[in-house]
Amino acid sequence: MDDRRIAILGGTFNPVHNGHIALAKGFAALLGLQRVLLMITNVPPHKRAPDLASAQDRLAMCRLAESEEPLLSACDLELRRPGKSYTWETLTQVRERFPSAELYFITGADMFLTLEQWKHPERIFSLCTVCAAPRGEDSAAELRKYAAHLQARGARAVVADFVPPNISSTQIRVLAAERKNLHGWVPESVEQYILQRGLYCPTAPQEKRNPDDL
């Protein structure tokens, strides 16, 4: 595979869904990407995740998505690194693996606006072009203004000219907990995996036992 242009799309992927895939494909078309790494976060540093599926399950679902879309490549680099996952460390390791590639980092609109608060933002800016997609026209204006601010600091930043589908992992987990149809939300193979593994379903209450039986 030609790896001249590689993007990293990071997240918990809890679960990976069609919004993630549309985002990856949109930037691939915009930037001429040859590969998008689905970088599965081990311990997200920016948010709590009380209903986080196991790393094994999240990696398995990303590999299923990869099998349906050749552009994608599930990556367990952060899962194999202990502790919290920081972007500058991940980018450094990806650069070592692909020394001649042009690297892009795709992030959500809200996270894009906090980039200067991340650990070692200058290292991030030196290693990649940071990309974000708007949620709508108002969001696009805000992102473009912030991108111009970052560029004034020497960063490379791209704001997409498309709006990806508004799909919520939280809503998918709610539907899965109720054993409802996930068609259109996630790839078919991922839906089957969630159902077969019983992911995101509340555990059944344990049967009360008579103390005399103990």
Foldseek 3Di string as FASTA:
>chain_A
DDQQEEEEEEDQCLPPWPLSVQVLVQVCVVPVGQAYEYEHWQAAPPDDDPQRDHPVLRQVQQVVVCVVPVRYDYDDPNVPDDDGDAPLVVLVVVCVVVVNHAYEYEDELVVLLCLVVGPPSVSVQVRHEYEYEAQDDVSQVVNVVVQVVVVVVVGHYYYGPDHGDDADSVVVLVCLLVVHDCPPIHPPVSRVSCNVVSRSHDDDDDDDDDPVVD
